[in-house]
Amino acid sequence: SKTDKSLSVAIGGATGFFVGTDTAYLPAQNFLFDVVGIHDATPQLMGCAIAGTSTGLGFVAAQTTLNAIYPAGKLWNDG
């Protein structure tokens, strides 16, 4: 359904920000490098927290954009 598509876009935002945690992947193009980048020296527990934060930020960024663009009742979270 169309509402499932909007959920997929929000999850895609989370996925995109998660990719930003990999500081070795295209570091010159990674605009999230300094925000949610996980470096080799980052402790494992801190890396887990950063990874979770990055997915949350990506989801919220994508969902907020969708909420601003689409009218009420059209998105997955409108019930």
PDB file of N, CA and C in Angstrom:
ATOM      1  N   SER A   1       0.834  -1.190   0.000  1.00  0.00           N
ATOM      2  CA  SER A   1       0.000   0.000   0.000  1.00  0.00           C
ATOM      3  C   SER A   1       0.877   1.252   0.000  1.00  0.00           C
ATOM      4  N   LYS A   2       0.259   2.384  -0.215  1.00  0.00           N
ATOM      5  CA  LYS A   2       1.005   3.639  -0.239  1.00  0.00           C
ATOM      6  C   LYS A   2       1.580   3.983   1.120  1.00  0.00           C
ATOM      7  N   THR A   3       0.903   3.606   2.180  1.00  0.00           N
ATOM      8  CA  THR A   3       1.445   3.909   3.509  1.00  0.00           C
ATOM      9  C   THR A   3       2.685   3.065   3.794  1.00  0.00           C
ATOM     10  N   ASP A   4       2.725   1.847   3.265  1.00  0.00           N
ATOM     11  CA  ASP A   4       3.921   1.016   3.423  1.00  0.00           C
ATOM     12  C   ASP A   4       5.117   1.632   2.710  1.00  0.00           C
ATOM     13  N   LYS A   5       4.862   2.299   1.610  1.00  0.00           N
ATOM     14  CA  LYS A   5       5.945   2.963   0.880  1.00  0.00           C
ATOM     15  C   LYS A   5       6.564   4.072   1.723  1.00  0.00           C
ATOM     16  N   SER A   6       5.741   4.807   2.452  1.00  0.00           N
ATOM     17  CA  SER A   6       6.288   5.888   3.275  1.00  0.00           C
ATOM     18  C   SER A   6       7.124   5.329   4.429  1.00  0.00           C
ATOM     19  N   LEU A   7       6.732   4.186   4.961  1.00  0.00           N
ATOM     20  CA  LEU A   7       7.538   3.539   5.997  1.00  0.00           C
ATOM     21  C   LEU A   7       8.868   3.078   5.413  1.00  0.00           C
ATOM     22  N   SER A   8       8.844   2.568   4.197  1.00  0.00           N
ATOM     23  CA  SER A   8      10.074   2.140   3.531  1.00  0.00           C
ATOM     24  C   SER A   8      11.034   3.311   3.330  1.00  0.00           C
ATOM     25  N   VAL A   9      10.501   4.474   2.995  1.00  0.00           N
ATOM     26  CA  VAL A   9      11.348   5.654   2.814  1.00  0.00           C
ATOM     27  C   VAL A   9      11.982   6.055   4.143  1.00  0.00           C
ATOM     28  N   ALA A  10      11.212   6.029   5.219  1.00  0.00           N
ATOM     29  CA  ALA A  10      11.749   6.380   6.541  1.00  0.00           C
ATOM     30  C   ALA A  10      12.834   5.388   6.964  1.00  0.00           C
ATOM     31  N   ILE A  11      12.620   4.114   6.701  1.00  0.00           N
ATOM     32  CA  ILE A  11      13.627   3.097   7.021  1.00  0.00           C
ATOM     33  C   ILE A  11      14.858   3.290   6.139  1.00  0.00           C
ATOM     34  N   GLY A  12      14.653   3.700   4.909  1.00  0.00           N
ATOM     35  CA  GLY A  12      15.783   4.005   4.022  1.00  0.00           C
ATOM     36  C   GLY A  12      16.629   5.153   4.563  1.00  0.00           C
ATOM     37  N   GLY A  13      15.991   6.138   5.169  1.00  0.00           N
ATOM     38  CA  GLY A  13      16.728   7.229   5.802  1.00  0.00           C
ATOM     39  C   GLY A  13      17.587   6.720   6.942  1.00  0.00           C
ATOM     40  N   ALA A  14      17.031   5.803   7.737  1.00  0.00           N
ATOM     41  CA  ALA A  14      17.795   5.199   8.827  1.00  0.00           C
ATOM     42  C   ALA A  14      18.988   4.420   8.288  1.00  0.00           C
ATOM     43  N   THR A  15      18.769   3.697   7.217  1.00  0.00           N
ATOM     44  CA  THR A  15      19.842   2.914   6.606  1.00  0.00           C
ATOM     45  C   THR A  15      20.940   3.818   6.053  1.00  0.00           C
ATOM     46  N   GLY A  16      20.537   4.891   5.414  1.00  0.00           N
ATOM     47  CA  GLY A  16      21.503   5.829   4.854  1.00  0.00           C
ATOM     48  C   GLY A  16      22.389   6.450   5.920  1.00  0.00           C
ATOM     49  N   PHE A  17      21.804   6.834   7.036  1.00  0.00           N
ATOM     50  CA  PHE A  17      22.603   7.408   8.111  1.00  0.00           C
ATOM     51  C   PHE A  17      23.491   6.348   8.747  1.00  0.00           C
ATOM     52  N   PHE A  18      23.020   5.102   8.812  1.00  0.00           N
ATOM     53  CA  PHE A  18      23.849   4.028   9.370  1.00  0.00           C
ATOM     54  C   PHE A  18      25.108   3.829   8.533  1.00  0.00           C
ATOM     55  N   VAL A  19      24.980   3.931   7.214  1.00  0.00           N
ATOM     56  CA  VAL A  19      26.147   3.817   6.338  1.00  0.00           C
ATOM     57  C   VAL A  19      27.153   4.922   6.670  1.00  0.00           C
ATOM     58  N   GLY A  20      26.669   6.060   7.132  1.00  0.00           N
ATOM     59  CA  GLY A  20      27.538   7.167   7.515  1.00  0.00           C
ATOM     60  C   GLY A  20      28.437   6.867   8.701  1.00  0.00           C
ATOM     61  N   THR A  21      28.159   5.799   9.438  1.00  0.00           N
ATOM     62  CA  THR A  21      29.018   5.448  10.576  1.00  0.00           C
ATOM     63  C   THR A  21      30.323   4.825  10.123  1.00  0.00           C
ATOM     64  N   ASP A  22      30.360   4.298   8.904  1.00  0.00           N
ATOM     65  CA  ASP A  22      31.567   3.645   8.383  1.00  0.00           C
ATOM     66  C   ASP A  22      32.529   4.706   7.865  1.00  0.00           C
ATOM     67  N   THR A  23      33.521   5.042   8.669  1.00  0.00           N
ATOM     68  CA  THR A  23      34.450   6.109   8.301  1.00  0.00           C
ATOM     69  C   THR A  23      35.406   5.699   7.187  1.00  0.00           C
ATOM     70  N   ALA A  24      35.501   4.413   6.885  1.00  0.00           N
ATOM     71  CA  ALA A  24      36.385   3.954   5.816  1.00  0.00           C
ATOM     72  C   ALA A  24      35.703   3.997   4.450  1.00  0.00           C
ATOM     73  N   TYR A  25      34.388   4.119   4.424  1.00  0.00           N
ATOM     74  CA  TYR A  25      33.638   4.099   3.171  1.00  0.00           C
ATOM     75  C   TYR A  25      33.505   5.527   2.629  1.00  0.00           C
ATOM     76  N   LEU A  26      34.219   5.814   1.556  1.00  0.00           N
ATOM     77  CA  LEU A  26      34.187   7.117   0.887  1.00  0.00           C
ATOM     78  C   LEU A  26      34.269   8.287   1.882  1.00  0.00           C
ATOM     79  N   PRO A  27      35.341   8.349   2.664  1.00  0.00           N
ATOM     80  CA  PRO A  27      35.432   9.383   3.706  1.00  0.00           C
ATOM     81  C   PRO A  27      35.350  10.816   3.176  1.00  0.00           C
ATOM     82  N   ALA A  28      35.807  11.063   1.977  1.00  0.00           N
ATOM     83  CA  ALA A  28      35.750  12.422   1.426  1.00  0.00           C
ATOM     84  C   ALA A  28      34.316  12.849   1.106  1.00  0.00           C
ATOM     85  N   GLN A  29      33.411  11.883   0.891  1.00  0.00           N
ATOM     86  CA  GLN A  29      32.028  12.184   0.535  1.00  0.00           C
ATOM     87  C   GLN A  29      31.053  11.984   1.705  1.00  0.00           C
ATOM     88  N   ASN A  30      31.548  11.494   2.810  1.00  0.00           N
ATOM     89  CA  ASN A  30      30.689  11.159   3.942  1.00  0.00           C
ATOM     90  C   ASN A  30      30.427  12.394   4.795  1.00  0.00           C
ATOM     91  N   PHE A  31      29.281  13.028   4.598  1.00  0.00           N
ATOM     92  CA  PHE A  31      28.968  14.243   5.355  1.00  0.00           C
ATOM     93  C   PHE A  31      28.638  13.944   6.820  1.00  0.00           C
ATOM     94  N   LEU A  32      28.449  12.685   7.150  1.00  0.00           N
ATOM     95  CA  LEU A  32      28.172  12.288   8.534  1.00  0.00           C
ATOM     96  C   LEU A  32      29.431  11.833   9.281  1.00  0.00           C
ATOM     97  N   PHE A  33      30.564  11.929   8.629  1.00  0.00           N
ATOM     98  CA  PHE A  33      31.836  11.453   9.171  1.00  0.00           C
ATOM     99  C   PHE A  33      32.089  11.972  10.582  1.00  0.00           C
ATOM    100  N   ASP A  34      31.927  13.275  10.801  1.00  0.00           N
ATOM    101  CA  ASP A  34      32.209  13.870  12.102  1.00  0.00           C
ATOM    102  C   ASP A  34      31.043  13.761  13.080  1.00  0.00           C
ATOM    103  N   VAL A  35      29.859  13.496  12.589  1.00  0.00           N
ATOM    104  CA  VAL A  35      28.679  13.445  13.456  1.00  0.00           C
ATOM    105  C   VAL A  35      28.486  12.052  14.050  1.00  0.00           C
ATOM    106  N   VAL A  36      28.456  11.035  13.213  1.00  0.00           N
ATOM    107  CA  VAL A  36      28.185   9.665  13.688  1.00  0.00           C
ATOM    108  C   VAL A  36      29.228   8.662  13.200  1.00  0.00           C
ATOM    109  N   GLY A  37      30.390   9.153  12.807  1.00  0.00           N
ATOM    110  CA  GLY A  37      31.433   8.253  12.325  1.00  0.00           C
ATOM    111  C   GLY A  37      32.024   7.403  13.438  1.00  0.00           C
ATOM    112  N   ILE A  38      32.182   6.126  13.169  1.00  0.00           N
ATOM    113  CA  ILE A  38      32.807   5.203  14.114  1.00  0.00           C
ATOM    114  C   ILE A  38      34.212   4.919  13.598  1.00  0.00           C
ATOM    115  N   HIS A  39      35.200   5.387  14.342  1.00  0.00           N
ATOM    116  CA  HIS A  39      36.598   5.244  13.956  1.00  0.00           C
ATOM    117  C   HIS A  39      37.178   3.959  14.549  1.00  0.00           C
ATOM    118  N   ASP A  40      38.342   3.559  14.082  1.00  0.00           N
ATOM    119  CA  ASP A  40      38.984   2.330  14.574  1.00  0.00           C
ATOM    120  C   ASP A  40      39.211   2.356  16.080  1.00  0.00           C
ATOM    121  N   ALA A  41      39.485   3.511  16.642  1.00  0.00           N
ATOM    122  CA  ALA A  41      39.787   3.618  18.072  1.00  0.00           C
ATOM    123  C   ALA A  41      38.533   3.748  18.940  1.00  0.00           C
ATOM    124  N   THR A  42      37.369   3.798  18.327  1.00  0.00           N
ATOM    125  CA  THR A  42      36.127   3.924  19.100  1.00  0.00           C
ATOM    126  C   THR A  42      35.854   2.632  19.860  1.00  0.00           C
ATOM    127  N   PRO A  43      35.640   2.714  21.186  1.00  0.00           N
ATOM    128  CA  PRO A  43      35.306   1.493  21.953  1.00  0.00           C
ATOM    129  C   PRO A  43      34.023   0.843  21.423  1.00  0.00           C
ATOM    130  N   GLN A  44      33.918  -0.469  21.567  1.00  0.00           N
ATOM    131  CA  GLN A  44      32.793  -1.212  20.993  1.00  0.00           C
ATOM    132  C   GLN A  44      31.442  -0.747  21.525  1.00  0.00           C
ATOM    133  N   LEU A  45      31.338  -0.541  22.823  1.00  0.00           N
ATOM    134  CA  LEU A  45      30.049  -0.118  23.387  1.00  0.00           C
ATOM    135  C   LEU A  45      29.662   1.265  22.876  1.00  0.00           C
ATOM    136  N   MET A  46      30.630   2.144  22.761  1.00  0.00           N
ATOM    137  CA  MET A  46      30.369   3.477  22.217  1.00  0.00           C
ATOM    138  C   MET A  46      29.968   3.361  20.751  1.00  0.00           C
ATOM    139  N   GLY A  47      30.595   2.459  20.006  1.00  0.00           N
ATOM    140  CA  GLY A  47      30.235   2.233  18.607  1.00  0.00           C
ATOM    141  C   GLY A  47      28.793   1.772  18.466  1.00  0.00           C
ATOM    142  N   CYS A  48      28.357   0.906  19.384  1.00  0.00           N
ATOM    143  CA  CYS A  48      26.955   0.456  19.363  1.00  0.00           C
ATOM    144  C   CYS A  48      26.008   1.626  19.603  1.00  0.00           C
ATOM    145  N   ALA A  49      26.360   2.480  20.550  1.00  0.00           N
ATOM    146  CA  ALA A  49      25.516   3.638  20.852  1.00  0.00           C
ATOM    147  C   ALA A  49      25.476   4.611  19.673  1.00  0.00           C
ATOM    148  N   ILE A  50      26.621   4.825  19.046  1.00  0.00           N
ATOM    149  CA  ILE A  50      26.680   5.727  17.884  1.00  0.00           C
ATOM    150  C   ILE A  50      25.864   5.153  16.726  1.00  0.00           C
ATOM    151  N   ALA A  51      25.975   3.849  16.500  1.00  0.00           N
ATOM    152  CA  ALA A  51      25.221   3.212  15.412  1.00  0.00           C
ATOM    153  C   ALA A  51      23.718   3.338  15.645  1.00  0.00           C
ATOM    154  N   GLY A  52      23.280   3.122  16.863  1.00  0.00           N
ATOM    155  CA  GLY A  52      21.861   3.273  17.186  1.00  0.00           C
ATOM    156  C   GLY A  52      21.387   4.702  17.018  1.00  0.00           C
ATOM    157  N   THR A  53      22.234   5.637  17.443  1.00  0.00           N
ATOM    158  CA  THR A  53      21.907   7.051  17.301  1.00  0.00           C
ATOM    159  C   THR A  53      21.815   7.439  15.831  1.00  0.00           C
ATOM    160  N   SER A  54      22.714   6.913  15.020  1.00  0.00           N
ATOM    161  CA  SER A  54      22.701   7.265  13.600  1.00  0.00           C
ATOM    162  C   SER A  54      21.427   6.776  12.914  1.00  0.00           C
ATOM    163  N   THR A  55      20.993   5.565  13.238  1.00  0.00           N
ATOM    164  CA  THR A  55      19.764   5.072  12.612  1.00  0.00           C
ATOM    165  C   THR A  55      18.557   5.881  13.080  1.00  0.00           C
ATOM    166  N   GLY A  56      18.549   6.246  14.346  1.00  0.00           N
ATOM    167  CA  GLY A  56      17.456   7.080  14.861  1.00  0.00           C
ATOM    168  C   GLY A  56      17.414   8.436  14.182  1.00  0.00           C
ATOM    169  N   LEU A  57      18.572   9.056  14.023  1.00  0.00           N
ATOM    170  CA  LEU A  57      18.642  10.357  13.353  1.00  0.00           C
ATOM    171  C   LEU A  57      18.166  10.262  11.906  1.00  0.00           C
ATOM    172  N   GLY A  58      18.589   9.218  11.204  1.00  0.00           N
ATOM    173  CA  GLY A  58      18.175   9.047   9.816  1.00  0.00           C
ATOM    174  C   GLY A  58      16.683   8.826   9.678  1.00  0.00           C
ATOM    175  N   PHE A  59      16.127   8.013  10.563  1.00  0.00           N
ATOM    176  CA  PHE A  59      14.687   7.757  10.534  1.00  0.00           C
ATOM    177  C   PHE A  59      13.911   9.038  10.794  1.00  0.00           C
ATOM    178  N   VAL A  60      14.320   9.781  11.821  1.00  0.00           N
ATOM    179  CA  VAL A  60      13.614  11.016  12.173  1.00  0.00           C
ATOM    180  C   VAL A  60      13.749  12.057  11.057  1.00  0.00           C
ATOM    181  N   ALA A  61      14.932  12.156  10.456  1.00  0.00           N
ATOM    182  CA  ALA A  61      15.115  13.117   9.364  1.00  0.00           C
ATOM    183  C   ALA A  61      14.200  12.791   8.183  1.00  0.00           C
ATOM    184  N   ALA A  62      14.151  11.529   7.803  1.00  0.00           N
ATOM    185  CA  ALA A  62      13.306  11.128   6.671  1.00  0.00           C
ATOM    186  C   ALA A  62      11.824  11.268   7.014  1.00  0.00           C
ATOM    187  N   GLN A  63      11.431  10.838   8.208  1.00  0.00           N
ATOM    188  CA  GLN A  63      10.018  10.899   8.594  1.00  0.00           C
ATOM    189  C   GLN A  63       9.545  12.340   8.737  1.00  0.00           C
ATOM    190  N   THR A  64      10.383  13.203   9.278  1.00  0.00           N
ATOM    191  CA  THR A  64      10.017  14.614   9.413  1.00  0.00           C
ATOM    192  C   THR A  64       9.809  15.250   8.045  1.00  0.00           C
ATOM    193  N   THR A  65      10.659  14.906   7.104  1.00  0.00           N
ATOM    194  CA  THR A  65      10.499  15.416   5.742  1.00  0.00           C
ATOM    195  C   THR A  65       9.190  14.937   5.137  1.00  0.00           C
ATOM    196  N   LEU A  66       8.893  13.655   5.313  1.00  0.00           N
ATOM    197  CA  LEU A  66       7.622  13.124   4.798  1.00  0.00           C
ATOM    198  C   LEU A  66       6.424  13.813   5.452  1.00  0.00           C
ATOM    199  N   ASN A  67       6.511  14.029   6.772  1.00  0.00           N
ATOM    200  CA  ASN A  67       5.405  14.680   7.484  1.00  0.00           C
ATOM    201  C   ASN A  67       5.173  16.101   6.976  1.00  0.00           C
ATOM    202  N   ALA A  68       6.240  16.769   6.571  1.00  0.00           N
ATOM    203  CA  ALA A  68       6.116  18.138   6.070  1.00  0.00           C
ATOM    204  C   ALA A  68       5.549  18.184   4.652  1.00  0.00           C
ATOM    205  N   ILE A  69       5.787  17.151   3.872  1.00  0.00           N
ATOM    206  CA  ILE A  69       5.389  17.150   2.463  1.00  0.00           C
ATOM    207  C   ILE A  69       3.970  16.620   2.247  1.00  0.00           C
ATOM    208  N   TYR A  70       3.628  15.523   2.918  1.00  0.00           N
ATOM    209  CA  TYR A  70       2.356  14.846   2.655  1.00  0.00           C
ATOM    210  C   TYR A  70       1.247  15.327   3.587  1.00  0.00           C
ATOM    211  N   PRO A  71       0.004  15.343   3.106  1.00  0.00           N
ATOM    212  CA  PRO A  71      -1.123  15.740   3.953  1.00  0.00           C
ATOM    213  C   PRO A  71      -1.448  14.652   4.980  1.00  0.00           C
ATOM    214  N   ALA A  72      -2.168  15.045   6.000  1.00  0.00           N
ATOM    215  CA  ALA A  72      -2.567  14.114   7.060  1.00  0.00           C
ATOM    216  C   ALA A  72      -3.344  12.938   6.475  1.00  0.00           C
ATOM    217  N   GLY A  73      -3.106  11.758   7.014  1.00  0.00           N
ATOM    218  CA  GLY A  73      -3.814  10.566   6.596  1.00  0.00           C
ATOM    219  C   GLY A  73      -3.163   9.790   5.467  1.00  0.00           C
ATOM    220  N   LYS A  74      -2.033  10.261   4.974  1.00  0.00           N
ATOM    221  CA  LYS A  74      -1.393   9.609   3.828  1.00  0.00           C
ATOM    222  C   LYS A  74      -0.179   8.760   4.195  1.00  0.00           C
ATOM    223  N   LEU A  75       0.331   8.878   5.403  1.00  0.00           N
ATOM    224  CA  LEU A  75       1.560   8.179   5.779  1.00  0.00           C
ATOM    225  C   LEU A  75       1.275   6.981   6.687  1.00  0.00           C
ATOM    226  N   TRP A  76       2.262   6.123   6.831  1.00  0.00           N
ATOM    227  CA  TRP A  76       2.119   4.900   7.605  1.00  0.00           C
ATOM    228  C   TRP A  76       1.763   5.192   9.065  1.00  0.00           C
ATOM    229  N   ASN A  77       2.223   6.303   9.622  1.00  0.00           N
ATOM    230  CA  ASN A  77       1.999   6.582  11.033  1.00  0.00           C
ATOM    231  C   ASN A  77       0.721   7.386  11.290  1.00  0.00           C
ATOM    232  N   ASP A  78      -0.068   7.603  10.262  1.00  0.00           N
ATOM    233  CA  ASP A  78      -1.309   8.345  10.430  1.00  0.00           C
ATOM    234  C   ASP A  78      -2.492   7.449  10.821  1.00  0.00           C
ATOM    235  N   GLY A  79      -2.226   6.152  10.870  1.00  0.00           N
ATOM    236  CA  GLY A  79      -3.232   5.195  11.330  1.00  0.00           C
ATOM    237  C   GLY A  79      -4.353   5.056  10.416  1.00  0.00           C
TER     238      GLY A  79
END
